[in-house]
C-alpha atoms as a PDB file:
ATOM      1  CA  UNK A   1     -33.195   7.851  38.223  1.00  0.00           C
ATOM      2  CA  UNK A   2     -31.623   9.743  36.659  1.00  0.00           C
ATOM      3  CA  UNK A   3     -27.668   9.551  34.711  1.00  0.00           C
ATOM      4  CA  UNK A   4     -26.711  12.729  34.505  1.00  0.00           C
ATOM      5  CA  UNK A   5     -29.301  12.865  31.311  1.00  0.00           C
ATOM      6  CA  UNK A   6     -27.524  16.294  30.722  1.00  0.00           C
ATOM      7  CA  UNK A   7     -24.518  14.933  29.704  1.00  0.00           C
ATOM      8  CA  UNK A   8     -25.652  11.823  28.078  1.00  0.00           C
ATOM      9  CA  UNK A   9     -26.861  11.770  24.875  1.00  0.00           C
ATOM     10  CA  UNK A  10     -30.799  10.847  24.584  1.00  0.00           C
ATOM     11  CA  UNK A  11     -29.351   8.012  22.025  1.00  0.00           C
ATOM     12  CA  UNK A  12     -28.051   6.863  24.959  1.00  0.00           C
ATOM     13  CA  UNK A  13     -30.651   7.097  27.355  1.00  0.00           C
ATOM     14  CA  UNK A  14     -32.597   5.238  25.480  1.00  0.00           C
ATOM     15  CA  UNK A  15     -30.707   2.128  25.129  1.00  0.00           C
ATOM     16  CA  UNK A  16     -29.651   2.060  29.445  1.00  0.00           C
ATOM     17  CA  UNK A  17     -33.487   2.895  29.180  1.00  0.00           C
ATOM     18  CA  UNK A  18     -33.830  -0.715  27.846  1.00  0.00           C
ATOM     19  CA  UNK A  19     -31.803  -1.899  29.091  1.00  0.00           C
ATOM     20  CA  UNK A  20     -32.870  -1.566  32.835  1.00  0.00           C
ATOM     21  CA  UNK A  21     -36.788  -2.554  31.186  1.00  0.00           C
ATOM     22  CA  UNK A  22     -34.991  -6.043  30.118  1.00  0.00           C
ATOM     23  CA  UNK A  23     -33.360  -6.963  32.341  1.00  0.00           C
ATOM     24  CA  UNK A  24     -36.795  -6.993  35.209  1.00  0.00           C
END
């Protein structure tokens, strides 16, 4: 899964990643 890491900041990626894990 790639949300366009170049455009997104590391923090934003971490938040999305954490939310994705929490949803499961």
